[in-house]
C-alpha atoms as a PDB file:
ATOM      1  CA  MET A   1     -10.352 -19.436  -0.221  1.00  0.00           C
ATOM      2  CA  PRO A   2     -13.831 -18.000  -0.167  1.00  0.00           C
ATOM      3  CA  THR A   3     -16.721 -20.283   1.824  1.00  0.00           C
ATOM      4  CA  ASP A   4     -19.852 -21.410   0.591  1.00  0.00           C
ATOM      5  CA  SER A   5     -23.107 -20.120   2.339  1.00  0.00           C
ATOM      6  CA  ASN A   6     -26.066 -19.322   1.665  1.00  0.00           C
ATOM      7  CA  ASP A   7     -25.824 -16.129   3.196  1.00  0.00           C
ATOM      8  CA  THR A   8     -23.163 -15.100   1.031  1.00  0.00           C
ATOM      9  CA  ILE A   9     -24.122 -11.909  -1.085  1.00  0.00           C
ATOM     10  CA  LEU A  10     -20.876 -11.045  -2.911  1.00  0.00           C
ATOM     11  CA  LYS A  11     -18.089 -13.268  -3.839  1.00  0.00           C
ATOM     12  CA  VAL A  12     -14.639 -12.481  -5.204  1.00  0.00           C
ATOM     13  CA  THR A  13     -13.443 -15.688  -7.190  1.00  0.00           C
ATOM     14  CA  ASP A  14      -9.364 -15.467  -8.695  1.00  0.00           C
ATOM     15  CA  LEU A  15      -9.577 -11.649  -9.575  1.00  0.00           C
ATOM     16  CA  THR A  16      -7.026 -10.508 -11.474  1.00  0.00           C
ATOM     17  CA  ILE A  17      -6.103  -6.889 -12.785  1.00  0.00           C
ATOM     18  CA  SER A  18      -3.232  -5.203 -14.277  1.00  0.00           C
ATOM     19  CA  PHE A  19      -2.664  -1.663 -15.727  1.00  0.00           C
ATOM     20  CA  LYS A  20      -1.480  -0.702 -18.646  1.00  0.00           C
ATOM     21  CA  ALA A  21       1.361   1.507 -18.128  1.00  0.00           C
ATOM     22  CA  TYR A  22       4.377   2.781 -20.067  1.00  0.00           C
ATOM     23  CA  GLY A  23       6.619   0.352 -18.777  1.00  0.00           C
ATOM     24  CA  GLY A  24       4.596  -2.987 -19.223  1.00  0.00           C
ATOM     25  CA  MET A  25       1.484  -4.377 -17.512  1.00  0.00           C
ATOM     26  CA  VAL A  26       1.175  -3.248 -13.441  1.00  0.00           C
ATOM     27  CA  GLN A  27       0.033  -6.363 -12.126  1.00  0.00           C
ATOM     28  CA  ALA A  28      -2.142  -4.494  -9.216  1.00  0.00           C
ATOM     29  CA  VAL A  29      -4.211  -7.697  -8.067  1.00  0.00           C
ATOM     30  CA  ARG A  30      -3.521 -11.428  -8.593  1.00  0.00           C
ATOM     31  CA  GLY A  31      -5.531 -13.976  -8.144  1.00  0.00           C
ATOM     32  CA  VAL A  32      -7.660 -12.533  -5.191  1.00  0.00           C
ATOM     33  CA  SER A  33     -10.936 -14.372  -3.516  1.00  0.00           C
ATOM     34  CA  PHE A  34     -12.808 -13.329  -0.452  1.00  0.00           C
ATOM     35  CA  ASP A  35     -16.789 -13.711   0.407  1.00  0.00           C
ATOM     36  CA  LEU A  36     -18.885 -11.587   2.215  1.00  0.00           C
ATOM     37  CA  LYS A  37     -21.850 -12.745   4.316  1.00  0.00           C
ATOM     38  CA  ARG A  38     -24.764 -10.835   4.827  1.00  0.00           C
ATOM     39  CA  GLY A  39     -24.580  -8.578   7.822  1.00  0.00           C
ATOM     40  CA  GLU A  40     -20.647  -8.753   8.752  1.00  0.00           C
ATOM     41  CA  THR A  41     -18.011  -6.676   8.108  1.00  0.00           C
ATOM     42  CA  VAL A  42     -14.671  -7.838   6.076  1.00  0.00           C
ATOM     43  CA  ALA A  43     -11.543  -6.166   6.457  1.00  0.00           C
ATOM     44  CA  ILE A  44      -8.555  -5.993   3.692  1.00  0.00           C
ATOM     45  CA  VAL A  45      -5.559  -4.584   5.203  1.00  0.00           C
ATOM     46  CA  GLY A  46      -2.080  -4.272   3.846  1.00  0.00           C
ATOM     47  CA  GLU A  47       0.487  -1.511   2.884  1.00  0.00           C
ATOM     48  CA  SER A  48      -0.253   1.061   0.557  1.00  0.00           C
ATOM     49  CA  GLY A  49       0.008  -0.178  -3.065  1.00  0.00           C
ATOM     50  CA  SER A  50      -1.180  -3.888  -1.984  1.00  0.00           C
ATOM     51  CA  GLY A  51      -4.123  -3.714  -4.211  1.00  0.00           C
ATOM     52  CA  LYS A  52      -6.454  -3.165  -1.500  1.00  0.00           C
ATOM     53  CA  SER A  53      -8.595   0.184  -3.605  1.00  0.00           C
ATOM     54  CA  VAL A  54      -8.200  -1.720  -6.686  1.00  0.00           C
ATOM     55  CA  THR A  55     -10.303  -4.651  -5.464  1.00  0.00           C
ATOM     56  CA  ILE A  56     -12.984  -2.382  -4.145  1.00  0.00           C
ATOM     57  CA  LYS A  57     -12.983   0.003  -7.391  1.00  0.00           C
ATOM     58  CA  ALA A  58     -13.763  -3.037  -9.490  1.00  0.00           C
ATOM     59  CA  ILE A  59     -16.405  -4.309  -7.431  1.00  0.00           C
ATOM     60  CA  MET A  60     -17.694  -0.535  -7.775  1.00  0.00           C
ATOM     61  CA  GLY A  61     -17.032  -0.203 -11.493  1.00  0.00           C
ATOM     62  CA  ILE A  62     -14.887   2.853 -11.275  1.00  0.00           C
ATOM     63  CA  LEU A  63     -11.191   1.151 -12.262  1.00  0.00           C
ATOM     64  CA  PRO A  64      -9.651   3.906 -14.353  1.00  0.00           C
ATOM     65  CA  GLY A  65      -9.139   3.422 -17.816  1.00  0.00           C
ATOM     66  CA  ASN A  66      -6.143   1.840 -18.260  1.00  0.00           C
ATOM     67  CA  ALA A  67      -7.162  -1.079 -15.897  1.00  0.00           C
ATOM     68  CA  VAL A  68      -7.857  -4.295 -17.499  1.00  0.00           C
ATOM     69  CA  ILE A  69      -9.728  -6.974 -15.894  1.00  0.00           C
ATOM     70  CA  GLU A  70      -7.486 -10.170 -17.047  1.00  0.00           C
ATOM     71  CA  GLY A  71      -9.707 -12.881 -15.187  1.00  0.00           C
ATOM     72  CA  GLY A  72     -11.870 -13.619 -12.471  1.00  0.00           C
ATOM     73  CA  ALA A  73     -15.374 -12.963 -11.254  1.00  0.00           C
ATOM     74  CA  ILE A  74     -17.304 -10.790  -8.941  1.00  0.00           C
ATOM     75  CA  ASP A  75     -20.511 -12.368  -8.269  1.00  0.00           C
ATOM     76  CA  TYR A  76     -23.164 -10.134  -6.324  1.00  0.00           C
ATOM     77  CA  HIS A  77     -26.802 -11.914  -6.224  1.00  0.00           C
ATOM     78  CA  GLY A  78     -25.735 -13.975  -9.628  1.00  0.00           C
ATOM     79  CA  THR A  79     -24.528 -11.077 -11.411  1.00  0.00           C
ATOM     80  CA  ASP A  80     -21.051 -11.231 -12.279  1.00  0.00           C
ATOM     81  CA  LEU A  81     -19.896  -7.441 -11.970  1.00  0.00           C
ATOM     82  CA  THR A  82     -16.699  -7.927 -13.845  1.00  0.00           C
ATOM     83  CA  LYS A  83     -19.230  -8.446 -17.259  1.00  0.00           C
ATOM     84  CA  LEU A  84     -21.231  -4.847 -16.753  1.00  0.00           C
ATOM     85  CA  ASN A  85     -21.107  -1.917 -18.266  1.00  0.00           C
ATOM     86  CA  GLU A  86     -21.296   1.359 -17.094  1.00  0.00           C
ATOM     87  CA  GLU A  87     -25.340   1.357 -17.793  1.00  0.00           C
ATOM     88  CA  GLY A  88     -25.716  -2.024 -15.879  1.00  0.00           C
ATOM     89  CA  PHE A  89     -23.613  -0.182 -12.774  1.00  0.00           C
ATOM     90  CA  HIS A  90     -25.893   2.655 -12.837  1.00  0.00           C
ATOM     91  CA  GLU A  91     -28.795  -0.291 -11.213  1.00  0.00           C
ATOM     92  CA  ILE A  92     -26.101  -1.187  -8.198  1.00  0.00           C
ATOM     93  CA  ARG A  93     -23.491   1.630  -7.621  1.00  0.00           C
ATOM     94  CA  GLY A  94     -25.214   3.665  -4.892  1.00  0.00           C
ATOM     95  CA  LYS A  95     -28.298   1.917  -4.589  1.00  0.00           C
ATOM     96  CA  ARG A  96     -26.982  -1.620  -3.743  1.00  0.00           C
ATOM     97  CA  ILE A  97     -23.101  -0.984  -2.977  1.00  0.00           C
ATOM     98  CA  GLY A  98     -22.642   2.506  -1.231  1.00  0.00           C
ATOM     99  CA  LEU A  99     -18.872   3.869  -0.888  1.00  0.00           C
ATOM    100  CA  ILE A 100     -17.208   5.926   1.617  1.00  0.00           C
ATOM    101  CA  PHE A 101     -14.095   7.634   0.122  1.00  0.00           C
ATOM    102  CA  GLN A 102     -10.927   8.441   2.172  1.00  0.00           C
ATOM    103  CA  ASP A 103     -10.799  11.960   1.637  1.00  0.00           C
ATOM    104  CA  PRO A 104     -13.627  13.692   2.505  1.00  0.00           C
ATOM    105  CA  LEU A 105     -12.456  16.939   0.841  1.00  0.00           C
ATOM    106  CA  SER A 106     -11.671  15.809  -2.568  1.00  0.00           C
ATOM    107  CA  ALA A 107     -15.105  13.453  -2.427  1.00  0.00           C
ATOM    108  CA  LEU A 108     -17.198  16.516  -1.725  1.00  0.00           C
ATOM    109  CA  ASN A 109     -17.900  19.092  -4.609  1.00  0.00           C
ATOM    110  CA  PRO A 110     -16.639  22.200  -2.925  1.00  0.00           C
ATOM    111  CA  ILE A 111     -18.893  24.916  -4.698  1.00  0.00           C
ATOM    112  CA  MET A 112     -21.942  23.043  -4.421  1.00  0.00           C
ATOM    113  CA  LYS A 113     -24.501  23.163  -0.943  1.00  0.00           C
ATOM    114  CA  ILE A 114     -24.101  20.048   1.324  1.00  0.00           C
ATOM    115  CA  GLY A 115     -27.859  19.380   0.929  1.00  0.00           C
ATOM    116  CA  LYS A 116     -27.786  19.726  -2.793  1.00  0.00           C
ATOM    117  CA  GLN A 117     -24.926  17.087  -3.051  1.00  0.00           C
ATOM    118  CA  ILE A 118     -27.347  14.710  -1.051  1.00  0.00           C
ATOM    119  CA  THR A 119     -30.321  15.210  -2.747  1.00  0.00           C
ATOM    120  CA  GLU A 120     -28.995  14.567  -5.921  1.00  0.00           C
ATOM    121  CA  VAL A 121     -28.210  11.137  -4.636  1.00  0.00           C
ATOM    122  CA  LEU A 122     -31.739  10.735  -3.814  1.00  0.00           C
ATOM    123  CA  HIS A 123     -33.013  12.034  -7.078  1.00  0.00           C
ATOM    124  CA  LEU A 124     -30.728   9.596  -8.803  1.00  0.00           C
ATOM    125  CA  THR A 125     -31.514   6.884  -6.808  1.00  0.00           C
ATOM    126  CA  LYS A 126     -34.969   6.962  -5.431  1.00  0.00           C
ATOM    127  CA  LYS A 127     -36.835   9.525  -7.914  1.00  0.00           C
ATOM    128  CA  LEU A 128     -37.862  11.495  -5.038  1.00  0.00           C
ATOM    129  CA  SER A 129     -39.676  15.015  -5.314  1.00  0.00           C
ATOM    130  CA  THR A 130     -37.421  17.929  -4.283  1.00  0.00           C
ATOM    131  CA  ALA A 131     -39.550  18.276  -1.068  1.00  0.00           C
ATOM    132  CA  ASP A 132     -39.451  14.811  -0.198  1.00  0.00           C
ATOM    133  CA  ALA A 133     -35.279  14.708  -1.266  1.00  0.00           C
ATOM    134  CA  LYS A 134     -34.768  17.455   0.892  1.00  0.00           C
ATOM    135  CA  THR A 135     -36.776  15.716   3.925  1.00  0.00           C
ATOM    136  CA  GLN A 136     -34.718  12.439   3.600  1.00  0.00           C
ATOM    137  CA  ALA A 137     -31.599  14.436   3.137  1.00  0.00           C
ATOM    138  CA  ILE A 138     -32.163  16.391   6.423  1.00  0.00           C
ATOM    139  CA  GLU A 139     -33.051  12.879   8.087  1.00  0.00           C
ATOM    140  CA  LEU A 140     -30.044  11.698   7.062  1.00  0.00           C
ATOM    141  CA  MET A 141     -27.898  14.420   8.123  1.00  0.00           C
ATOM    142  CA  ARG A 142     -29.316  13.815  11.239  1.00  0.00           C
ATOM    143  CA  SER A 143     -28.423  10.078  10.986  1.00  0.00           C
ATOM    144  CA  VAL A 144     -24.814  10.388  10.964  1.00  0.00           C
ATOM    145  CA  GLY A 145     -24.647  13.177  13.483  1.00  0.00           C
ATOM    146  CA  ILE A 146     -24.824  16.204  12.019  1.00  0.00           C
ATOM    147  CA  PRO A 147     -26.167  19.035  14.653  1.00  0.00           C
ATOM    148  CA  GLU A 148     -28.922  21.502  13.278  1.00  0.00           C
ATOM    149  CA  PRO A 149     -29.146  19.867   9.923  1.00  0.00           C
ATOM    150  CA  GLU A 150     -31.905  21.728   8.783  1.00  0.00           C
ATOM    151  CA  ARG A 151     -29.668  24.870   8.912  1.00  0.00           C
ATOM    152  CA  ARG A 152     -26.440  22.882   7.851  1.00  0.00           C
ATOM    153  CA  PHE A 153     -28.253  21.702   4.760  1.00  0.00           C
ATOM    154  CA  ASN A 154     -27.929  24.882   2.757  1.00  0.00           C
ATOM    155  CA  GLN A 155     -24.136  25.362   3.672  1.00  0.00           C
ATOM    156  CA  TYR A 156     -20.614  24.212   1.939  1.00  0.00           C
ATOM    157  CA  PRO A 157     -18.026  21.993   2.461  1.00  0.00           C
ATOM    158  CA  PHE A 158     -15.661  24.391   3.815  1.00  0.00           C
ATOM    159  CA  GLN A 159     -18.148  25.273   6.794  1.00  0.00           C
ATOM    160  CA  PHE A 160     -17.777  21.823   8.049  1.00  0.00           C
ATOM    161  CA  SER A 161     -14.944  20.227   9.702  1.00  0.00           C
ATOM    162  CA  GLY A 162     -13.074  17.074   8.775  1.00  0.00           C
ATOM    163  CA  GLY A 163     -15.033  14.937  10.830  1.00  0.00           C
ATOM    164  CA  MET A 164     -18.446  16.481   9.612  1.00  0.00           C
ATOM    165  CA  ARG A 165     -17.261  16.232   6.010  1.00  0.00           C
ATOM    166  CA  GLN A 166     -16.752  12.586   6.668  1.00  0.00           C
ATOM    167  CA  ARG A 167     -20.174  11.987   7.966  1.00  0.00           C
ATOM    168  CA  ILE A 168     -21.534  14.159   4.998  1.00  0.00           C
ATOM    169  CA  VAL A 169     -19.601  11.900   2.892  1.00  0.00           C
ATOM    170  CA  ILE A 170     -21.332   8.754   4.832  1.00  0.00           C
ATOM    171  CA  ALA A 171     -24.691  10.417   4.631  1.00  0.00           C
ATOM    172  CA  ILE A 172     -24.589  10.088   0.964  1.00  0.00           C
ATOM    173  CA  ALA A 173     -23.380   6.422   0.481  1.00  0.00           C
ATOM    174  CA  LEU A 174     -26.614   5.653   2.634  1.00  0.00           C
ATOM    175  CA  ALA A 175     -28.570   8.002   0.475  1.00  0.00           C
ATOM    176  CA  GLY A 176     -29.553   4.887  -1.641  1.00  0.00           C
ATOM    177  CA  ASP A 177     -30.080   2.530   1.023  1.00  0.00           C
ATOM    178  CA  PRO A 178     -27.359  -0.271  -0.324  1.00  0.00           C
ATOM    179  CA  GLU A 179     -26.796  -3.444   1.405  1.00  0.00           C
ATOM    180  CA  ILE A 180     -23.284  -3.294   1.093  1.00  0.00           C
ATOM    181  CA  LEU A 181     -21.012  -0.628   2.644  1.00  0.00           C
ATOM    182  CA  ILE A 182     -17.431  -0.420   1.144  1.00  0.00           C
ATOM    183  CA  CYS A 183     -15.133   2.179   3.309  1.00  0.00           C
ATOM    184  CA  ASP A 184     -12.046   2.900   1.661  1.00  0.00           C
ATOM    185  CA  GLU A 185      -9.698   3.874   4.648  1.00  0.00           C
ATOM    186  CA  PRO A 186     -12.460   6.174   6.022  1.00  0.00           C
ATOM    187  CA  THR A 187     -10.438   7.835   8.701  1.00  0.00           C
ATOM    188  CA  THR A 188      -6.827   8.231   6.504  1.00  0.00           C
ATOM    189  CA  ALA A 189      -7.653  11.954   6.703  1.00  0.00           C
ATOM    190  CA  LEU A 190      -8.686  12.841  10.224  1.00  0.00           C
ATOM    191  CA  ASP A 191      -7.018  13.121  13.705  1.00  0.00           C
ATOM    192  CA  VAL A 192      -7.188  10.093  16.260  1.00  0.00           C
ATOM    193  CA  THR A 193     -10.426  10.864  18.632  1.00  0.00           C
ATOM    194  CA  VAL A 194     -12.475  12.278  15.233  1.00  0.00           C
ATOM    195  CA  GLN A 195     -11.223   8.537  14.122  1.00  0.00           C
ATOM    196  CA  ALA A 196     -12.913   6.548  17.142  1.00  0.00           C
ATOM    197  CA  LYS A 197     -15.853   8.668  16.415  1.00  0.00           C
ATOM    198  CA  ILE A 198     -16.425   7.476  12.834  1.00  0.00           C
ATOM    199  CA  LEU A 199     -15.648   4.523  13.511  1.00  0.00           C
ATOM    200  CA  ASP A 200     -18.270   4.231  15.958  1.00  0.00           C
ATOM    201  CA  LEU A 201     -20.585   5.745  14.037  1.00  0.00           C
ATOM    202  CA  ILE A 202     -19.957   3.186  10.668  1.00  0.00           C
ATOM    203  CA  ASN A 203     -20.606   0.224  13.207  1.00  0.00           C
ATOM    204  CA  GLN A 204     -23.946   1.886  14.801  1.00  0.00           C
ATOM    205  CA  ILE A 205     -25.065   2.273  11.346  1.00  0.00           C
ATOM    206  CA  LYS A 206     -24.278  -1.279  10.216  1.00  0.00           C
ATOM    207  CA  LYS A 207     -26.650  -2.620  13.251  1.00  0.00           C
ATOM    208  CA  GLU A 208     -29.225  -0.458  12.506  1.00  0.00           C
ATOM    209  CA  ARG A 209     -29.310  -0.850   8.797  1.00  0.00           C
ATOM    210  CA  ASN A 210     -27.901  -4.939   9.152  1.00  0.00           C
ATOM    211  CA  LEU A 211     -25.417  -3.683   6.153  1.00  0.00           C
ATOM    212  CA  SER A 212     -22.692  -5.900   4.996  1.00  0.00           C
ATOM    213  CA  VAL A 213     -19.333  -4.001   5.099  1.00  0.00           C
ATOM    214  CA  ILE A 214     -16.034  -4.327   3.481  1.00  0.00           C
ATOM    215  CA  PHE A 215     -13.193  -2.338   5.070  1.00  0.00           C
ATOM    216  CA  ILE A 216     -10.167  -1.464   3.647  1.00  0.00           C
ATOM    217  CA  MET A 217      -7.185  -0.134   6.242  1.00  0.00           C
ATOM    218  CA  HIS A 218      -3.498  -0.355   5.934  1.00  0.00           C
ATOM    219  CA  ASP A 219      -3.546  -0.517   9.571  1.00  0.00           C
ATOM    220  CA  LEU A 220      -4.714  -3.536  11.376  1.00  0.00           C
ATOM    221  CA  GLY A 221      -5.040  -1.884  14.977  1.00  0.00           C
ATOM    222  CA  VAL A 222      -7.876   0.014  13.426  1.00  0.00           C
ATOM    223  CA  VAL A 223     -10.128  -3.026  11.893  1.00  0.00           C
ATOM    224  CA  ALA A 224      -9.467  -4.666  15.623  1.00  0.00           C
ATOM    225  CA  ASN A 225     -13.086  -3.919  16.802  1.00  0.00           C
ATOM    226  CA  MET A 226     -14.389  -3.628  13.506  1.00  0.00           C
ATOM    227  CA  ALA A 227     -14.091  -6.746  11.525  1.00  0.00           C
ATOM    228  CA  GLN A 228     -15.368 -10.197  11.933  1.00  0.00           C
ATOM    229  CA  ARG A 229     -13.057 -11.743   9.136  1.00  0.00           C
ATOM    230  CA  VAL A 230      -9.808  -9.891   8.190  1.00  0.00           C
ATOM    231  CA  ASN A 231      -7.886 -10.597   4.783  1.00  0.00           C
ATOM    232  CA  VAL A 232      -4.193  -9.295   4.965  1.00  0.00           C
ATOM    233  CA  MET A 233      -3.001  -8.557   1.258  1.00  0.00           C
ATOM    234  CA  TYR A 234       0.409  -7.669  -0.116  1.00  0.00           C
ATOM    235  CA  ALA A 235       1.434  -7.243  -3.777  1.00  0.00           C
ATOM    236  CA  GLY A 236      -1.673  -7.838  -5.386  1.00  0.00           C
ATOM    237  CA  LYS A 237      -2.659 -10.920  -3.076  1.00  0.00           C
ATOM    238  CA  ILE A 238      -4.100 -12.086  -0.095  1.00  0.00           C
ATOM    239  CA  LEU A 239      -1.751 -13.899   2.075  1.00  0.00           C
ATOM    240  CA  GLU A 240      -3.429 -14.639   5.151  1.00  0.00           C
ATOM    241  CA  SER A 241      -7.403 -14.806   6.221  1.00  0.00           C
ATOM    242  CA  GLY A 242      -9.368 -15.815   9.221  1.00  0.00           C
ATOM    243  CA  THR A 243     -11.983 -14.335  11.754  1.00  0.00           C
ATOM    244  CA  ALA A 244     -10.620 -11.156  13.302  1.00  0.00           C
ATOM    245  CA  GLU A 245      -9.388 -13.692  16.477  1.00  0.00           C
ATOM    246  CA  ASP A 246      -7.369 -15.770  14.113  1.00  0.00           C
ATOM    247  CA  VAL A 247      -5.261 -13.253  12.581  1.00  0.00           C
ATOM    248  CA  PHE A 248      -5.128 -10.749  15.712  1.00  0.00           C
ATOM    249  CA  PHE A 249      -4.390 -13.915  17.925  1.00  0.00           C
ATOM    250  CA  ARG A 250      -2.911 -16.206  16.041  1.00  0.00           C
ATOM    251  CA  PRO A 251      -1.464 -14.961  13.020  1.00  0.00           C
ATOM    252  CA  ALA A 252       0.862 -17.301  10.591  1.00  0.00           C
ATOM    253  CA  HIS A 253       2.210 -15.417   7.852  1.00  0.00           C
ATOM    254  CA  PRO A 254       5.514 -13.264   8.526  1.00  0.00           C
ATOM    255  CA  TYR A 255       4.091 -10.351   6.857  1.00  0.00           C
ATOM    256  CA  THR A 256       1.222 -10.588   9.185  1.00  0.00           C
ATOM    257  CA  TRP A 257       3.616 -10.642  12.392  1.00  0.00           C
ATOM    258  CA  ALA A 258       5.709  -7.578  10.848  1.00  0.00           C
ATOM    259  CA  LEU A 259       2.149  -5.458  10.198  1.00  0.00           C
ATOM    260  CA  LEU A 260       1.130  -6.275  13.828  1.00  0.00           C
ATOM    261  CA  SER A 261       4.360  -5.833  15.720  1.00  0.00           C
ATOM    262  CA  SER A 262       4.470  -2.297  13.889  1.00  0.00           C
ATOM    263  CA  ILE A 263       1.751  -1.309  15.687  1.00  0.00           C
ATOM    264  CA  PRO A 264       2.281   1.305  18.242  1.00  0.00           C
ATOM    265  CA  ASP A 265       2.037  -0.583  22.074  1.00  0.00           C
ATOM    266  CA  MET A 266       0.859   2.305  24.514  1.00  0.00           C
ATOM    267  CA  GLN A 267       1.509  -0.101  27.688  1.00  0.00           C
ATOM    268  CA  THR A 268       4.600  -0.616  27.437  1.00  0.00           C
ATOM    269  CA  LYS A 269       8.157   1.065  25.931  1.00  0.00           C
ATOM    270  CA  GLU A 270       8.804  -1.733  23.339  1.00  0.00           C
ATOM    271  CA  LYS A 271      10.883  -0.168  20.119  1.00  0.00           C
ATOM    272  CA  LEU A 272       8.423   0.297  17.224  1.00  0.00           C
ATOM    273  CA  LEU A 273       9.249  -2.540  14.578  1.00  0.00           C
ATOM    274  CA  ALA A 274       9.184  -1.495  11.057  1.00  0.00           C
ATOM    275  CA  ILE A 275       9.183  -3.281   8.315  1.00  0.00           C
ATOM    276  CA  PRO A 276      12.381  -3.269   5.986  1.00  0.00           C
ATOM    277  CA  GLY A 277      12.852  -2.521   2.370  1.00  0.00           C
ATOM    278  CA  THR A 278       9.885  -1.666   0.106  1.00  0.00           C
ATOM    279  CA  PRO A 279       6.954  -3.317  -1.594  1.00  0.00           C
ATOM    280  CA  PRO A 280       8.111  -5.185  -5.266  1.00  0.00           C
ATOM    281  CA  ASN A 281       7.772  -3.762  -8.572  1.00  0.00           C
ATOM    282  CA  MET A 282       4.548  -4.684  -9.937  1.00  0.00           C
ATOM    283  CA  ILE A 283       5.505  -4.666 -13.383  1.00  0.00           C
ATOM    284  CA  HIS A 284       8.216  -7.494 -12.831  1.00  0.00           C
ATOM    285  CA  PRO A 285       6.934  -9.281  -9.777  1.00  0.00           C
ATOM    286  CA  PRO A 286       9.377 -11.366  -8.322  1.00  0.00           C
ATOM    287  CA  LYS A 287       9.270 -15.000  -8.570  1.00  0.00           C
ATOM    288  CA  GLY A 288       8.290 -17.251  -5.447  1.00  0.00           C
ATOM    289  CA  ASP A 289       6.687 -15.349  -2.371  1.00  0.00           C
ATOM    290  CA  ALA A 290       6.747 -11.399  -3.021  1.00  0.00           C
ATOM    291  CA  PHE A 291       7.547 -10.974   0.698  1.00  0.00           C
ATOM    292  CA  ALA A 292      10.655 -13.091   0.573  1.00  0.00           C
ATOM    293  CA  VAL A 293      12.911 -10.378   0.059  1.00  0.00           C
ATOM    294  CA  ARG A 294      11.734  -8.426   3.390  1.00  0.00           C
ATOM    295  CA  ASN A 295      11.222 -11.712   5.352  1.00  0.00           C
ATOM    296  CA  LYS A 296      13.665 -12.724   7.516  1.00  0.00           C
ATOM    297  CA  TYR A 297      11.844 -15.874   8.052  1.00  0.00           C
ATOM    298  CA  ALA A 298      11.854 -16.421   4.555  1.00  0.00           C
ATOM    299  CA  LEU A 299      13.236 -20.192   3.515  1.00  0.00           C
ATOM    300  CA  LYS A 300      15.077 -20.661   0.456  1.00  0.00           C
ATOM    301  CA  LEU A 301      11.934 -22.209  -1.375  1.00  0.00           C
ATOM    302  CA  ASP A 302      10.258 -18.882  -0.465  1.00  0.00           C
ATOM    303  CA  PHE A 303      12.588 -17.383  -3.414  1.00  0.00           C
ATOM    304  CA  GLU A 304      11.538 -20.242  -5.921  1.00  0.00           C
ATOM    305  CA  ARG A 305       8.121 -21.446  -5.782  1.00  0.00           C
ATOM    306  CA  GLU A 306       5.163 -19.404  -4.803  1.00  0.00           C
ATOM    307  CA  PRO A 307       3.706 -20.567  -1.358  1.00  0.00           C
ATOM    308  CA  PRO A 308      -0.042 -22.245  -1.572  1.00  0.00           C
ATOM    309  CA  PRO A 309      -2.787 -21.263   0.711  1.00  0.00           C
ATOM    310  CA  ILE A 310      -2.460 -23.721   3.772  1.00  0.00           C
ATOM    311  CA  ARG A 311      -5.437 -24.705   5.917  1.00  0.00           C
ATOM    312  CA  ILE A 312      -4.690 -24.098   9.609  1.00  0.00           C
ATOM    313  CA  SER A 313      -8.398 -24.649  11.112  1.00  0.00           C
ATOM    314  CA  ASP A 314     -11.896 -24.193   9.183  1.00  0.00           C
ATOM    315  CA  THR A 315     -11.763 -20.313   9.049  1.00  0.00           C
ATOM    316  CA  HIS A 316      -8.345 -19.929   9.175  1.00  0.00           C
ATOM    317  CA  TRP A 317      -5.488 -20.206   6.080  1.00  0.00           C
ATOM    318  CA  ALA A 318      -1.900 -18.461   5.150  1.00  0.00           C
ATOM    319  CA  ALA A 319       0.286 -18.961   2.028  1.00  0.00           C
ATOM    320  CA  THR A 320       3.555 -19.349   3.883  1.00  0.00           C
ATOM    321  CA  TRP A 321       5.840 -22.283   3.132  1.00  0.00           C
ATOM    322  CA  LEU A 322       6.571 -22.036   7.225  1.00  0.00           C
ATOM    323  CA  LEU A 323       3.354 -23.574   7.735  1.00  0.00           C
ATOM    324  CA  HIS A 324       4.490 -26.641   5.437  1.00  0.00           C
ATOM    325  CA  PRO A 325       4.797 -30.224   7.635  1.00  0.00           C
ATOM    326  CA  LYS A 326       8.493 -30.537   6.366  1.00  0.00           C
ATOM    327  CA  ALA A 327       9.418 -26.638   7.022  1.00  0.00           C
ATOM    328  CA  PRO A 328      11.528 -25.848  10.146  1.00  0.00           C
ATOM    329  CA  LYS A 329      10.114 -24.568  13.495  1.00  0.00           C
ATOM    330  CA  VAL A 330       9.733 -21.102  13.304  1.00  0.00           C
ATOM    331  CA  ASP A 331       7.962 -19.039  15.947  1.00  0.00           C
ATOM    332  CA  MET A 332       6.727 -15.459  15.647  1.00  0.00           C
ATOM    333  CA  PRO A 333       8.613 -12.314  16.797  1.00  0.00           C
ATOM    334  CA  GLU A 334       9.031 -12.402  20.464  1.00  0.00           C
ATOM    335  CA  ILE A 335       7.410  -8.565  20.999  1.00  0.00           C
ATOM    336  CA  LEU A 336       4.226 -10.293  19.013  1.00  0.00           C
ATOM    337  CA  ARG A 337       4.171 -13.023  21.596  1.00  0.00           C
ATOM    338  CA  HIS A 338       4.237 -10.706  24.976  1.00  0.00           C
ATOM    339  CA  ARG A 339       1.501  -8.460  23.275  1.00  0.00           C
ATOM    340  CA  ILE A 340      -0.891 -11.069  22.274  1.00  0.00           C
ATOM    341  CA  ASN A 341      -0.220 -13.007  25.946  1.00  0.00           C
ATOM    342  CA  ARG A 342      -0.780  -9.937  27.340  1.00  0.00           C
ATOM    343  CA  MET A 343      -3.932  -9.594  25.823  1.00  0.00           C
ATOM    344  CA  THR A 344      -4.992 -13.267  26.230  1.00  0.00           C
ATOM    345  CA  GLY A 345      -4.143 -13.901  29.495  1.00  0.00           C
ATOM    346  CA  GLY A 346      -1.220 -15.947  28.384  1.00  0.00           C
ATOM    347  CA  VAL A 347      -3.290 -18.483  26.603  1.00  0.00           C
ATOM    348  CA  VAL A 348      -1.319 -18.372  23.307  1.00  0.00           C
END
């Protein structure tokens, strides 16, 4: 349920993607819709395998060869990215939409000097001379917090720590001056203290460059201070969407409840909750609500019919039969209610 706005620069509508596999077609993304406005951060969160990364790979035009876009559109300034060939993406990928990969060690060429890896992008996107490219590369390194960039320009990836390698990956993503920055689990391979610094850096860069950001994460807790809007994804579908305040303080879907309840809480000694079961086989997605078999609040109808998106407010919706007027009243888990009440001063 994306919203229309003159500020919307990217609009994904009913995107459906499957993969050809030995056992059949894996239905990885099933009718995903969301939009991105100028200067905002939109998060897509969910467990591994929910379809988050497949969605952004479609936006970047880097889907593997066995992927099939079966329907939908990705509108970027009037251009449907699902219709572009590789040549068409050369004018968008890196230049107008940048991508930060989750594993900097595999994203960087281990036998190429860092400076060379940045200047190559500058040559491709801006057609700079060798001297100008080096000057800009050093400035990019400095802007992302690399100390002594003139000296480190000639070093190799193995000479950098994990956090510094991720800063280099961010510099490469910014080299083409994109207006959209996609962050695909950018802190997964980093320890907690370094994670916080990288997240602060991304926020700082976003403000300085007025970027629009799509943040892909499996951990709702990490995006709490990053995103203005949050989309919760499961089994190839967005199950809940709203502002960060909506999703964190007024969650409505049992899957969102489960994700929030599984976040460690350092202020209490509450038992850490886990989501039972495993995600479904997407070659044969279950009938009805895909989360029903793992959902202790599931109604009989959840196993028979897929719930439609139900509007909660102008900014918030969730696809759950529990929101239907005739559904029985079900409250969120007590552990989650206590956490939200503590954070909001008991107003929830």
